[in-house]
């Protein structure tokens, strides 16, 4: 799992279903012409994210491929991209204040659900990686 630079770049993380619910809230209750930032209040460094993924995989997929002792052993640091921002910050206070929206998932619960989805749907992402995927949609319809 490559990590750019020293892995300390910071991002705000938001579970996809929370993002969709926020978009629906903006479309149905927001003021026309207004801008609403959608954020998860979950600022993490890239290294923290990768380490959390590894730790969750230890629990959710304990049978590792041959030659792997711990998932964290797969972390490698690669040269950072030129001009890569060190921090992406989101001020999501307006959507909370004006529309009452807050994310339902924490960073950890959202990431756990995401990893579990990928583990459950391995045939789908394996087809994506093998380039045999033909744009079929799977998952719950909204």
C-alpha atoms as a PDB file:
ATOM      1  CA  UNK A   1       0.000   0.000   0.000  1.00  0.00           C
ATOM      2  CA  UNK A   2       1.871   3.065  -1.193  1.00  0.00           C
ATOM      3  CA  UNK A   3       1.779   6.213   0.915  1.00  0.00           C
ATOM      4  CA  UNK A   4       2.971   9.465  -0.642  1.00  0.00           C
ATOM      5  CA  UNK A   5       5.837  11.344   0.993  1.00  0.00           C
ATOM      6  CA  UNK A   6       5.889  10.940   4.746  1.00  0.00           C
ATOM      7  CA  UNK A   7       2.158  10.174   4.852  1.00  0.00           C
ATOM      8  CA  UNK A   8       1.318  13.248   6.920  1.00  0.00           C
ATOM      9  CA  UNK A   9      -0.905  14.956   4.357  1.00  0.00           C
ATOM     10  CA  UNK A  10      -4.278  15.600   5.981  1.00  0.00           C
ATOM     11  CA  UNK A  11      -7.712  14.949   4.489  1.00  0.00           C
ATOM     12  CA  UNK A  12     -11.260  15.118   5.819  1.00  0.00           C
ATOM     13  CA  UNK A  13     -12.983  11.741   5.436  1.00  0.00           C
ATOM     14  CA  UNK A  14     -16.697  11.156   4.931  1.00  0.00           C
ATOM     15  CA  UNK A  15     -18.585   7.898   4.426  1.00  0.00           C
ATOM     16  CA  UNK A  16     -20.229   7.765   0.999  1.00  0.00           C
ATOM     17  CA  UNK A  17     -23.782   7.247   2.306  1.00  0.00           C
ATOM     18  CA  UNK A  18     -23.396  10.290   4.557  1.00  0.00           C
ATOM     19  CA  UNK A  19     -22.258  12.288   1.537  1.00  0.00           C
ATOM     20  CA  UNK A  20     -25.307  11.190  -0.467  1.00  0.00           C
ATOM     21  CA  UNK A  21     -27.646  12.057   2.413  1.00  0.00           C
ATOM     22  CA  UNK A  22     -26.049  15.503   2.639  1.00  0.00           C
ATOM     23  CA  UNK A  23     -26.516  16.065  -1.095  1.00  0.00           C
ATOM     24  CA  UNK A  24     -30.181  15.086  -0.823  1.00  0.00           C
ATOM     25  CA  UNK A  25     -30.570  17.473   2.136  1.00  0.00           C
ATOM     26  CA  UNK A  26     -29.049  20.323   0.110  1.00  0.00           C
ATOM     27  CA  UNK A  27     -31.267  19.633  -2.910  1.00  0.00           C
ATOM     28  CA  UNK A  28     -34.479  19.311  -0.896  1.00  0.00           C
ATOM     29  CA  UNK A  29     -33.940  21.889   1.861  1.00  0.00           C
ATOM     30  CA  UNK A  30     -31.078  24.168   0.822  1.00  0.00           C
ATOM     31  CA  UNK A  31     -31.503  27.683  -0.521  1.00  0.00           C
ATOM     32  CA  UNK A  32     -31.143  28.022  -4.299  1.00  0.00           C
ATOM     33  CA  UNK A  33     -27.816  29.638  -5.174  1.00  0.00           C
ATOM     34  CA  UNK A  34     -26.206  28.880  -1.793  1.00  0.00           C
ATOM     35  CA  UNK A  35     -23.059  26.812  -1.403  1.00  0.00           C
ATOM     36  CA  UNK A  36     -22.793  24.146   1.278  1.00  0.00           C
ATOM     37  CA  UNK A  37     -19.505  22.414   2.106  1.00  0.00           C
ATOM     38  CA  UNK A  38     -19.983  18.770   3.027  1.00  0.00           C
ATOM     39  CA  UNK A  39     -17.407  17.347   5.422  1.00  0.00           C
ATOM     40  CA  UNK A  40     -17.074  14.522   7.862  1.00  0.00           C
ATOM     41  CA  UNK A  41     -15.295  16.255  10.740  1.00  0.00           C
ATOM     42  CA  UNK A  42     -12.767  13.410  10.398  1.00  0.00           C
ATOM     43  CA  UNK A  43      -9.389  14.901   9.591  1.00  0.00           C
ATOM     44  CA  UNK A  44      -6.786  12.149   9.330  1.00  0.00           C
ATOM     45  CA  UNK A  45      -3.322  11.911   7.862  1.00  0.00           C
ATOM     46  CA  UNK A  46      -2.894   9.590   4.898  1.00  0.00           C
ATOM     47  CA  UNK A  47      -0.713   7.381   7.086  1.00  0.00           C
ATOM     48  CA  UNK A  48      -3.437   7.155   9.760  1.00  0.00           C
ATOM     49  CA  UNK A  49      -5.932   6.100   7.090  1.00  0.00           C
ATOM     50  CA  UNK A  50      -3.685   3.366   5.711  1.00  0.00           C
ATOM     51  CA  UNK A  51      -2.803   2.098   9.193  1.00  0.00           C
ATOM     52  CA  UNK A  52      -6.504   1.979  10.123  1.00  0.00           C
ATOM     53  CA  UNK A  53      -7.261   0.032   6.925  1.00  0.00           C
ATOM     54  CA  UNK A  54      -4.514  -2.439   7.826  1.00  0.00           C
ATOM     55  CA  UNK A  55      -5.812  -2.834  11.378  1.00  0.00           C
ATOM     56  CA  UNK A  56      -9.379  -3.414  10.167  1.00  0.00           C
ATOM     57  CA  UNK A  57      -8.142  -5.980   7.650  1.00  0.00           C
ATOM     58  CA  UNK A  58      -6.380  -7.842  10.477  1.00  0.00           C
ATOM     59  CA  UNK A  59      -9.811  -8.237  12.059  1.00  0.00           C
ATOM     60  CA  UNK A  60     -12.054  -8.628   8.993  1.00  0.00           C
ATOM     61  CA  UNK A  61      -9.731 -10.651   6.739  1.00  0.00           C
ATOM     62  CA  UNK A  62      -7.297 -12.410   9.073  1.00  0.00           C
ATOM     63  CA  UNK A  63      -6.291 -15.041   6.492  1.00  0.00           C
ATOM     64  CA  UNK A  64      -3.615 -13.157   4.596  1.00  0.00           C
ATOM     65  CA  UNK A  65      -2.099 -14.005   1.228  1.00  0.00           C
ATOM     66  CA  UNK A  66       1.038 -16.145   1.347  1.00  0.00           C
ATOM     67  CA  UNK A  67       4.131 -14.331   2.552  1.00  0.00           C
ATOM     68  CA  UNK A  68       2.296 -11.628   4.491  1.00  0.00           C
ATOM     69  CA  UNK A  69       2.648 -11.609   8.266  1.00  0.00           C
ATOM     70  CA  UNK A  70       0.862  -8.325   9.050  1.00  0.00           C
ATOM     71  CA  UNK A  71      -1.027  -6.007   6.717  1.00  0.00           C
ATOM     72  CA  UNK A  72       1.004  -3.053   8.020  1.00  0.00           C
ATOM     73  CA  UNK A  73       4.086  -4.735   6.515  1.00  0.00           C
ATOM     74  CA  UNK A  74       2.623  -3.846   3.098  1.00  0.00           C
ATOM     75  CA  UNK A  75       2.913  -0.084   3.721  1.00  0.00           C
ATOM     76  CA  UNK A  76       5.565   1.540   1.544  1.00  0.00           C
ATOM     77  CA  UNK A  77       6.478   5.195   1.214  1.00  0.00           C
ATOM     78  CA  UNK A  78       6.813   6.585  -2.283  1.00  0.00           C
ATOM     79  CA  UNK A  79       8.008   9.942  -3.570  1.00  0.00           C
ATOM     80  CA  UNK A  80       5.338  12.617  -3.207  1.00  0.00           C
ATOM     81  CA  UNK A  81       3.838  14.243  -6.290  1.00  0.00           C
ATOM     82  CA  UNK A  82       5.135  17.737  -7.085  1.00  0.00           C
ATOM     83  CA  UNK A  83       2.737  20.372  -5.774  1.00  0.00           C
ATOM     84  CA  UNK A  84       0.816  17.892  -3.622  1.00  0.00           C
ATOM     85  CA  UNK A  85      -1.161  19.827  -1.002  1.00  0.00           C
ATOM     86  CA  UNK A  86      -0.334  19.010   2.600  1.00  0.00           C
ATOM     87  CA  UNK A  87      -3.878  19.610   3.847  1.00  0.00           C
ATOM     88  CA  UNK A  88      -7.383  19.716   2.433  1.00  0.00           C
ATOM     89  CA  UNK A  89      -9.663  21.411   4.953  1.00  0.00           C
ATOM     90  CA  UNK A  90     -13.459  21.621   4.862  1.00  0.00           C
ATOM     91  CA  UNK A  91     -15.571  23.937   6.999  1.00  0.00           C
ATOM     92  CA  UNK A  92     -18.905  22.118   7.103  1.00  0.00           C
ATOM     93  CA  UNK A  93     -20.433  24.298   9.820  1.00  0.00           C
ATOM     94  CA  UNK A  94     -22.894  26.022   7.444  1.00  0.00           C
ATOM     95  CA  UNK A  95     -24.690  22.820   6.379  1.00  0.00           C
ATOM     96  CA  UNK A  96     -25.003  21.850  10.039  1.00  0.00           C
ATOM     97  CA  UNK A  97     -26.153  25.296  11.154  1.00  0.00           C
ATOM     98  CA  UNK A  98     -28.611  25.968   8.317  1.00  0.00           C
ATOM     99  CA  UNK A  99     -29.848  22.487   7.390  1.00  0.00           C
ATOM    100  CA  UNK A 100     -29.142  20.496  10.551  1.00  0.00           C
ATOM    101  CA  UNK A 101     -27.049  17.908   8.681  1.00  0.00           C
ATOM    102  CA  UNK A 102     -24.294  15.991  10.435  1.00  0.00           C
ATOM    103  CA  UNK A 103     -22.672  12.719   9.357  1.00  0.00           C
ATOM    104  CA  UNK A 104     -24.108   9.583  10.933  1.00  0.00           C
ATOM    105  CA  UNK A 105     -20.896   7.555  10.636  1.00  0.00           C
ATOM    106  CA  UNK A 106     -17.579   8.133  12.333  1.00  0.00           C
ATOM    107  CA  UNK A 107     -14.370   7.668  10.381  1.00  0.00           C
ATOM    108  CA  UNK A 108     -13.928   4.221  11.897  1.00  0.00           C
ATOM    109  CA  UNK A 109     -17.501   2.960  11.375  1.00  0.00           C
ATOM    110  CA  UNK A 110     -17.637   4.272   7.806  1.00  0.00           C
ATOM    111  CA  UNK A 111     -14.263   2.772   6.927  1.00  0.00           C
ATOM    112  CA  UNK A 112     -15.281  -0.565   8.475  1.00  0.00           C
ATOM    113  CA  UNK A 113     -18.456  -0.609   6.335  1.00  0.00           C
ATOM    114  CA  UNK A 114     -16.458   0.285   3.229  1.00  0.00           C
ATOM    115  CA  UNK A 115     -13.881  -2.453   3.784  1.00  0.00           C
ATOM    116  CA  UNK A 116     -16.595  -4.990   4.559  1.00  0.00           C
ATOM    117  CA  UNK A 117     -18.365  -4.048   1.298  1.00  0.00           C
ATOM    118  CA  UNK A 118     -15.181  -4.636  -0.704  1.00  0.00           C
ATOM    119  CA  UNK A 119     -14.553  -7.957   1.040  1.00  0.00           C
ATOM    120  CA  UNK A 120     -18.130  -9.083   0.381  1.00  0.00           C
ATOM    121  CA  UNK A 121     -18.047  -7.908  -3.252  1.00  0.00           C
ATOM    122  CA  UNK A 122     -14.626  -9.213  -4.263  1.00  0.00           C
ATOM    123  CA  UNK A 123     -15.901 -10.663  -7.583  1.00  0.00           C
ATOM    124  CA  UNK A 124     -16.926  -7.135  -8.649  1.00  0.00           C
ATOM    125  CA  UNK A 125     -13.615  -5.390  -7.924  1.00  0.00           C
ATOM    126  CA  UNK A 126     -11.640  -8.359  -9.262  1.00  0.00           C
ATOM    127  CA  UNK A 127     -13.457  -7.834 -12.595  1.00  0.00           C
ATOM    128  CA  UNK A 128     -12.648  -4.118 -12.431  1.00  0.00           C
ATOM    129  CA  UNK A 129      -8.958  -4.893 -11.933  1.00  0.00           C
ATOM    130  CA  UNK A 130      -8.938  -7.506 -14.692  1.00  0.00           C
ATOM    131  CA  UNK A 131     -10.698  -5.015 -17.014  1.00  0.00           C
ATOM    132  CA  UNK A 132     -13.629  -7.350 -17.667  1.00  0.00           C
ATOM    133  CA  UNK A 133     -16.051  -5.074 -15.794  1.00  0.00           C
ATOM    134  CA  UNK A 134     -18.819  -3.784 -18.070  1.00  0.00           C
ATOM    135  CA  UNK A 135     -20.315  -0.956 -15.954  1.00  0.00           C
ATOM    136  CA  UNK A 136     -22.908  -3.089 -14.172  1.00  0.00           C
ATOM    137  CA  UNK A 137     -24.188  -1.462 -11.003  1.00  0.00           C
ATOM    138  CA  UNK A 138     -24.458  -3.469  -7.815  1.00  0.00           C
ATOM    139  CA  UNK A 139     -25.663  -2.445  -4.390  1.00  0.00           C
ATOM    140  CA  UNK A 140     -28.798  -0.989  -2.888  1.00  0.00           C
ATOM    141  CA  UNK A 141     -31.032   1.169  -5.042  1.00  0.00           C
ATOM    142  CA  UNK A 142     -32.011   4.466  -3.492  1.00  0.00           C
END
